[in-house]
Amino acid sequence: MEAKYIKKEAMEKPKSIPLNYKLSKKNKIIIKVLILLIMLFYYLELDINNNKEDNINNINNRVISNNSISINNQSMNMKICVCTLAKNENKYIKEFVEHYKKYGVDKIYLYDNNDINGEKLEEPIDEYVKNGFVEILNWRGQKQALYKIMNNCYQTNYNNYDFLLFYEIDEYIHLYNYTNIKPFLSMPTYNNCEIIYLNLICHTDNNKLYYEDKPLAERFPEKVPFNKLGGRKLEIKFILRGHIPNITIDNVHRGNTKNKNCNSFGHSNKYYVIYATEPDYKYYYIDHYYAKSTEEFINKINYKASPIFNSVDFLYERINKYFSENELTFQKIQMIENGTGLNLSKYKIKLIKNN
């Protein structure tokens, strides 16, 4: 048979560009233009991202230092109070009072909900009671009093204050580099807001087992990792504008949804649950020292287990939350079993399996 020959040119490999290949003048210009366009795009993108950060950081010129910018007349005339309930909080109450005094609030209404024969709130904060900064209201021995107290404080004082803060003794407001809350709340971004929500940032127990007489921020600097918070990652607490009648508070987190709600950036939103959209964990938020040490956690859940909750179910729910956000150890399990009388075998089994 006659052999079939493939044309030589079809078998040849594509020619490679020689090392000494020179670009044409036109191609050089095209490449330079492309490089410049890529660099321009990169820096524009970087600038956009920086501007986003700056916009958040400087919304309505809110980055204020008391050392460089004086408080304007609107801020000077503003009146702000804190409404809070206290029960078995004498170890922490002075730190709480001094924190909000430092932030420039005018008054703290402290509802004493201790047991009839419980500790006296006046003892650690006597100087602030005497100078009128703190007013203690006697609600000792009253059960299921939380919402009654919150509504009583608002309805009694809403005509006397521009804003009322509803934070618990373990909740500390953080306003980035604001050292006074008045210029913060007097910004135009809040002009139409009736309720302002700030996100809660939860802190861990820092693996501390026992109480220490030191500031909470020093004892518990570690924050609960975002991926461990579950549904609590978007929890909020609120500030209510004064001079608005007929507000009824029916939730410790979200105030009343009938009023105009805003997040920490002044953006309007509806909050039908206790969570926030567009959360803020960097600038304006609440540091929440819920657990503290294991010893303090035990004391807290024991006195909070009241007729408003099914006590055993409440205790187990709180313990489960505690171990989901803090390191699980045999020593903590044993302390909580001894302190509550509950059987925590499931946590021991879990710990053994994990090890």
Protein backbone atom coordinates (compact mmCIF):
# COMPACT_ATOMS: atom_id res chain seq x y z
CA MET A 1 0.00 0.00 0.00
CA GLU A 2 1.09 3.44 -0.73
CA ALA A 3 2.06 5.33 2.35
CA LYS A 4 0.10 8.43 3.25
CA TYR A 5 2.16 11.44 4.06
CA ILE A 6 1.05 14.28 6.31
CA LYS A 7 2.06 17.65 5.18
CA LYS A 8 5.15 18.83 6.98
CA GLU A 9 3.70 22.17 7.91
CA ALA A 10 0.84 20.50 9.78
CA MET A 11 3.27 18.65 12.03
CA GLU A 12 5.35 21.65 12.91
CA LYS A 13 5.03 23.00 16.49
CA PRO A 14 3.86 26.56 16.98
CA LYS A 15 6.73 28.94 16.97
CA SER A 16 7.65 30.29 20.41
CA ILE A 17 8.39 33.94 20.95
CA PRO A 18 12.13 34.42 20.86
CA LEU A 19 13.86 35.83 23.92
CA ASN A 20 15.02 38.83 22.00
CA TYR A 21 11.50 39.60 20.78
CA LYS A 22 10.72 43.32 20.87
CA LEU A 23 7.27 44.81 21.35
CA SER A 24 6.10 47.30 18.88
CA LYS A 25 5.68 50.87 20.03
CA LYS A 26 1.92 50.48 19.76
CA ASN A 27 1.86 47.34 21.94
CA LYS A 28 4.05 49.00 24.55
CA ILE A 29 1.59 51.85 24.84
CA ILE A 30 -1.35 49.45 25.13
CA ILE A 31 0.36 47.48 27.94
CA LYS A 32 1.26 50.66 29.85
CA VAL A 33 -2.32 51.89 29.58
CA LEU A 34 -3.61 48.54 30.87
CA ILE A 35 -1.21 48.62 33.81
CA LEU A 36 -2.28 52.16 34.65
CA LEU A 37 -5.95 51.18 34.46
CA ILE A 38 -5.37 48.21 36.79
CA MET A 39 -3.53 50.42 39.28
CA LEU A 40 -6.23 53.06 39.07
CA PHE A 41 -8.95 50.48 39.68
CA TYR A 42 -7.04 49.09 42.68
CA TYR A 43 -6.62 52.49 44.31
CA LEU A 44 -10.19 53.49 43.57
CA GLU A 45 -11.42 50.29 45.22
CA LEU A 46 -9.15 50.92 48.18
CA ASP A 47 -10.40 54.48 48.46
CA ILE A 48 -14.03 53.34 48.28
CA ASN A 49 -13.44 50.85 51.09
CA ASN A 50 -11.65 53.49 53.14
CA ASN A 51 -14.48 55.91 52.53
CA LYS A 52 -16.99 53.32 53.72
CA GLU A 53 -14.95 52.97 56.90
CA ASP A 54 -14.67 56.74 57.23
CA ASN A 55 -18.40 57.18 56.68
CA ILE A 56 -19.15 54.80 59.51
CA ASN A 57 -16.44 56.32 61.62
CA ASN A 58 -17.46 59.91 60.94
CA ILE A 59 -21.21 59.80 60.42
CA ASN A 60 -22.36 63.40 60.83
CA ASN A 61 -18.95 64.31 62.25
CA ARG A 62 -19.49 62.04 65.23
CA VAL A 63 -15.85 61.32 65.94
CA ILE A 64 -15.46 63.82 68.72
CA SER A 65 -12.82 64.34 71.37
CA ASN A 66 -13.75 66.40 74.39
CA ASN A 67 -10.21 67.73 74.40
CA SER A 68 -10.56 69.29 70.95
CA ILE A 69 -14.27 70.06 70.44
CA SER A 70 -16.46 71.63 73.08
CA ILE A 71 -19.99 70.42 73.68
CA ASN A 72 -22.45 72.67 71.86
CA ASN A 73 -25.43 74.40 73.46
CA GLN A 74 -27.83 71.70 72.30
CA SER A 75 -25.74 69.09 74.08
CA MET A 76 -25.32 71.26 77.17
CA ASN A 77 -29.10 71.63 77.49
CA MET A 78 -29.79 67.94 76.89
CA LYS A 79 -30.85 65.86 79.89
CA ILE A 80 -30.26 62.12 80.04
CA CYS A 81 -31.02 59.53 82.71
CA VAL A 82 -30.48 55.81 83.28
CA CYS A 83 -33.24 53.53 84.51
CA THR A 84 -32.07 50.26 86.03
CA LEU A 85 -33.05 47.51 88.44
CA ALA A 86 -30.67 46.05 91.02
CA LYS A 87 -30.81 42.84 92.98
CA ASN A 88 -27.70 41.39 94.69
CA GLU A 89 -25.53 43.85 92.76
CA ASN A 90 -23.63 45.63 95.56
CA LYS A 91 -20.28 44.30 94.30
CA TYR A 92 -20.79 46.00 90.94
CA ILE A 93 -23.10 48.96 91.52
CA LYS A 94 -20.41 51.58 92.20
CA GLU A 95 -18.53 50.70 89.00
CA PHE A 96 -21.79 50.92 87.04
CA VAL A 97 -22.71 54.30 88.53
CA GLU A 98 -19.25 55.78 87.91
CA HIS A 99 -19.19 54.50 84.33
CA TYR A 100 -22.38 56.34 83.39
CA LYS A 101 -21.41 59.42 85.38
CA LYS A 102 -18.20 59.52 83.34
CA TYR A 103 -20.31 59.41 80.17
CA GLY A 104 -22.21 62.49 81.24
CA VAL A 105 -25.67 61.22 82.22
CA ASP A 106 -27.52 63.53 84.61
CA LYS A 107 -29.27 61.02 86.83
CA ILE A 108 -29.56 57.33 87.61
CA TYR A 109 -32.89 55.96 88.85
CA LEU A 110 -31.93 52.82 90.72
CA TYR A 111 -34.82 50.51 91.54
CA ASP A 112 -33.93 48.45 94.62
CA ASN A 113 -35.48 45.02 93.98
CA ASN A 114 -33.54 43.17 96.66
CA ASP A 115 -35.28 40.84 99.07
CA ILE A 116 -36.86 42.56 102.08
CA ASN A 117 -33.93 41.56 104.28
CA GLY A 118 -31.35 41.67 101.49
CA GLU A 119 -28.33 43.92 101.03
CA LYS A 120 -28.63 47.71 101.16
CA LEU A 121 -27.86 49.47 97.88
CA GLU A 122 -26.98 52.73 99.62
CA GLU A 123 -23.84 51.34 101.25
CA PRO A 124 -21.42 51.22 98.25
CA ILE A 125 -22.79 54.37 96.55
CA ASP A 126 -23.67 56.57 99.53
CA GLU A 127 -21.82 59.62 98.16
CA TYR A 128 -23.78 59.51 94.89
CA VAL A 129 -27.08 59.15 96.72
CA LYS A 130 -26.28 62.12 98.96
CA ASN A 131 -25.29 64.41 96.07
CA GLY A 132 -28.45 63.47 94.16
CA PHE A 133 -26.82 61.78 91.18
CA VAL A 134 -28.47 58.47 92.16
CA GLU A 135 -32.05 58.16 93.36
CA ILE A 136 -32.95 54.82 94.94
CA LEU A 137 -36.55 53.70 94.65
CA ASN A 138 -37.83 51.06 97.02
CA TRP A 139 -39.18 48.03 95.17
CA ARG A 140 -37.77 45.55 97.65
CA GLY A 141 -39.39 42.14 97.78
CA GLN A 142 -41.56 42.69 94.69
CA LYS A 143 -41.75 39.75 92.31
CA GLN A 144 -41.89 39.82 88.52
CA ALA A 145 -41.13 43.52 88.69
CA LEU A 146 -38.89 44.10 85.65
CA TYR A 147 -41.43 45.47 83.15
CA LYS A 148 -43.35 47.29 85.88
CA ILE A 149 -40.13 49.05 86.87
CA MET A 150 -39.16 49.96 83.30
CA ASN A 151 -42.59 51.41 82.54
CA ASN A 152 -42.72 53.20 85.89
CA CYS A 153 -39.38 54.87 85.22
CA TYR A 154 -40.38 56.03 81.75
CA GLN A 155 -43.86 57.25 82.64
CA THR A 156 -42.57 59.08 85.71
CA ASN A 157 -39.64 60.79 83.99
CA TYR A 158 -40.26 61.06 80.22
CA ASN A 159 -41.22 64.73 80.41
CA ASN A 160 -38.05 65.62 82.31
CA TYR A 161 -35.43 64.00 80.05
CA ASP A 162 -34.49 64.07 76.39
CA PHE A 163 -33.33 60.45 76.48
CA LEU A 164 -33.77 57.56 78.93
CA LEU A 165 -31.30 54.64 78.90
CA PHE A 166 -32.54 51.19 79.96
CA TYR A 167 -29.47 49.12 80.81
CA GLU A 168 -28.83 46.50 83.46
CA ILE A 169 -26.00 46.55 86.00
CA ASP A 170 -23.84 44.25 83.86
CA GLU A 171 -24.23 46.40 80.71
CA TYR A 172 -21.74 49.17 79.94
CA ILE A 173 -22.19 51.56 77.02
CA HIS A 174 -19.23 51.97 74.66
CA LEU A 175 -19.16 54.94 72.27
CA TYR A 176 -15.88 54.57 70.38
CA ASN A 177 -13.92 57.78 71.08
CA TYR A 178 -16.83 59.71 72.55
CA THR A 179 -16.24 60.44 76.20
CA ASN A 180 -19.66 62.03 76.66
CA ILE A 181 -23.01 60.63 75.52
CA LYS A 182 -24.63 64.03 74.94
CA PRO A 183 -22.84 65.05 71.73
CA PHE A 184 -23.36 61.49 70.52
CA LEU A 185 -27.15 61.66 70.94
CA SER A 186 -27.39 65.26 69.71
CA MET A 187 -26.13 64.36 66.23
CA PRO A 188 -28.60 65.11 63.36
CA THR A 189 -28.63 61.43 62.40
CA TYR A 190 -30.80 60.76 65.48
CA ASN A 191 -33.17 63.71 65.05
CA ASN A 192 -36.09 61.54 63.93
CA CYS A 193 -35.32 58.50 66.10
CA GLU A 194 -37.62 57.68 69.00
CA ILE A 195 -35.83 54.47 69.97
CA ILE A 196 -32.10 53.90 69.38
CA TYR A 197 -30.76 50.37 69.49
CA LEU A 198 -27.20 49.39 70.34
CA ASN A 199 -25.86 45.85 69.96
CA LEU A 200 -24.74 43.79 72.93
CA ILE A 201 -21.21 42.40 72.91
CA CYS A 202 -20.96 39.47 75.33
CA HIS A 203 -17.79 38.81 77.32
CA THR A 204 -16.54 35.39 78.46
CA ASP A 205 -15.62 34.28 81.97
CA ASN A 206 -11.91 34.43 80.97
CA ASN A 207 -11.69 31.04 82.71
CA LYS A 208 -11.89 32.75 86.09
CA LEU A 209 -13.53 30.65 88.78
CA TYR A 210 -13.89 33.17 91.61
CA TYR A 211 -14.76 36.81 92.27
CA GLU A 212 -12.00 39.42 92.33
CA ASP A 213 -12.39 43.02 93.48
CA LYS A 214 -11.24 44.56 90.19
CA PRO A 215 -12.98 46.42 87.32
CA LEU A 216 -15.00 44.16 85.03
CA ALA A 217 -13.17 45.32 81.89
CA GLU A 218 -9.87 44.33 83.51
CA ARG A 219 -11.12 40.93 84.67
CA PHE A 220 -13.02 39.95 81.51
CA PRO A 221 -11.48 41.50 78.39
CA GLU A 222 -12.18 38.47 76.21
CA LYS A 223 -15.28 38.65 74.03
CA VAL A 224 -17.38 35.63 73.13
CA PRO A 225 -16.40 34.55 69.61
CA PHE A 226 -19.05 35.55 67.09
CA ASN A 227 -19.56 31.95 65.94
CA LYS A 228 -20.45 30.85 69.49
CA LEU A 229 -23.21 33.39 70.06
CA GLY A 230 -25.89 31.67 68.00
CA GLY A 231 -29.10 33.68 68.11
CA ARG A 232 -27.62 36.09 70.64
CA LYS A 233 -25.15 37.55 68.14
CA LEU A 234 -27.62 40.24 67.12
CA GLU A 235 -29.13 41.05 70.52
CA ILE A 236 -29.87 44.70 71.21
CA LYS A 237 -30.70 47.10 74.06
CA PHE A 238 -32.35 50.47 73.69
CA ILE A 239 -32.37 54.18 74.43
CA LEU A 240 -35.79 55.89 74.50
CA ARG A 241 -36.40 59.50 73.52
CA GLY A 242 -38.26 61.48 76.16
CA HIS A 243 -41.32 63.72 75.80
CA ILE A 244 -43.27 60.98 73.98
CA PRO A 245 -46.41 59.88 75.85
CA ASN A 246 -48.13 56.52 75.68
CA ILE A 247 -45.03 54.38 75.28
CA THR A 248 -45.41 50.93 76.81
CA ILE A 249 -42.31 48.80 77.30
CA ASP A 250 -43.07 45.10 76.88
CA ASN A 251 -39.61 43.75 76.06
CA VAL A 252 -36.31 44.32 77.82
CA HIS A 253 -34.49 44.35 74.48
CA ARG A 254 -36.57 46.16 71.90
CA GLY A 255 -38.79 48.73 73.59
CA ASN A 256 -41.90 49.30 71.49
CA THR A 257 -42.11 48.60 67.76
CA LYS A 258 -44.83 51.21 67.19
CA ASN A 259 -42.27 53.99 67.54
CA LYS A 260 -39.62 54.99 65.02
CA ASN A 261 -36.69 52.66 65.60
CA CYS A 262 -33.10 53.36 64.56
CA ASN A 263 -29.87 51.42 64.78
CA SER A 264 -26.61 52.87 66.08
CA PHE A 265 -25.99 54.63 62.74
CA GLY A 266 -29.39 56.31 62.78
CA HIS A 267 -30.77 54.09 60.02
CA SER A 268 -34.48 53.45 60.42
CA ASN A 269 -35.64 49.88 60.81
CA LYS A 270 -38.38 47.76 62.31
CA TYR A 271 -37.37 45.40 65.08
CA TYR A 272 -40.12 42.91 65.75
CA VAL A 273 -37.79 40.63 67.65
CA ILE A 274 -34.82 41.26 69.95
CA TYR A 275 -32.29 41.26 67.12
CA ALA A 276 -30.88 44.00 64.91
CA THR A 277 -30.12 44.17 61.25
CA GLU A 278 -26.93 45.97 60.23
CA PRO A 279 -25.22 45.20 63.56
CA ASP A 280 -22.42 47.36 64.94
CA TYR A 281 -19.71 45.70 67.01
CA LYS A 282 -16.97 48.25 66.41
CA TYR A 283 -18.18 51.73 67.24
CA TYR A 284 -21.31 52.08 69.37
CA TYR A 285 -22.39 49.10 71.45
CA ILE A 286 -22.95 47.67 74.93
CA ASP A 287 -20.32 45.57 76.71
CA HIS A 288 -22.29 42.80 78.41
CA TYR A 289 -20.58 41.05 81.34
CA TYR A 290 -23.26 38.44 81.81
CA ALA A 291 -21.40 35.45 83.24
CA LYS A 292 -18.36 36.92 85.00
CA SER A 293 -16.56 34.16 86.96
CA THR A 294 -18.07 30.72 87.54
CA GLU A 295 -18.77 31.59 91.18
CA GLU A 296 -20.56 34.80 90.20
CA PHE A 297 -22.48 33.02 87.45
CA ILE A 298 -23.83 30.52 90.00
CA ASN A 299 -24.95 33.31 92.33
CA LYS A 300 -26.63 35.12 89.45
CA ILE A 301 -28.68 32.23 88.11
CA ASN A 302 -29.73 31.18 91.61
CA TYR A 303 -31.25 34.54 92.50
CA LYS A 304 -32.72 35.02 89.02
CA ALA A 305 -34.52 31.67 89.18
CA SER A 306 -37.82 33.12 90.36
CA PRO A 307 -41.56 32.41 89.90
CA ILE A 308 -41.46 34.29 86.59
CA PHE A 309 -39.54 31.28 85.23
CA ASN A 310 -39.83 27.56 85.71
CA SER A 311 -36.81 27.46 88.00
CA VAL A 312 -35.25 24.14 86.93
CA ASP A 313 -35.78 24.77 83.23
CA PHE A 314 -34.44 28.30 83.63
CA LEU A 315 -31.30 27.05 85.38
CA TYR A 316 -30.58 24.41 82.73
CA GLU A 317 -31.16 26.93 79.94
CA ARG A 318 -28.71 29.41 81.49
CA ILE A 319 -26.11 26.73 82.17
CA ASN A 320 -26.34 25.50 78.60
CA LYS A 321 -25.81 29.05 77.33
CA TYR A 322 -22.88 29.50 79.72
CA PHE A 323 -21.08 26.40 78.46
CA SER A 324 -21.80 27.21 74.83
CA GLU A 325 -19.96 30.52 75.23
CA ASN A 326 -17.25 29.57 77.73
CA GLU A 327 -14.71 26.79 78.02
CA LEU A 328 -16.14 23.57 79.44
CA THR A 329 -14.05 22.15 82.33
CA PHE A 330 -14.63 19.56 85.05
CA GLN A 331 -13.95 22.13 87.75
CA LYS A 332 -16.66 24.45 86.45
CA ILE A 333 -19.13 21.56 86.13
CA GLN A 334 -18.46 20.49 89.71
CA MET A 335 -18.82 24.03 91.04
CA ILE A 336 -22.15 24.54 89.26
CA GLU A 337 -23.46 21.14 90.41
CA ASN A 338 -22.56 21.98 94.01
CA GLY A 339 -23.98 25.49 93.73
CA THR A 340 -27.30 24.60 92.11
CA GLY A 341 -27.94 20.98 93.10
CA LEU A 342 -28.47 20.03 89.46
CA ASN A 343 -27.19 16.93 87.69
CA LEU A 344 -24.78 17.97 84.94
CA SER A 345 -23.70 14.49 83.84
CA LYS A 346 -24.31 15.27 80.18
CA TYR A 347 -21.61 17.94 80.26
CA LYS A 348 -19.15 15.52 81.88
CA ILE A 349 -19.85 12.95 79.18
CA LYS A 350 -19.40 15.58 76.50
CA LEU A 351 -16.09 16.65 78.00
CA ILE A 352 -14.82 13.06 78.17
CA LYS A 353 -15.80 12.46 74.52
CA ASN A 354 -14.07 15.64 73.42
CA ASN A 355 -10.89 14.63 75.21
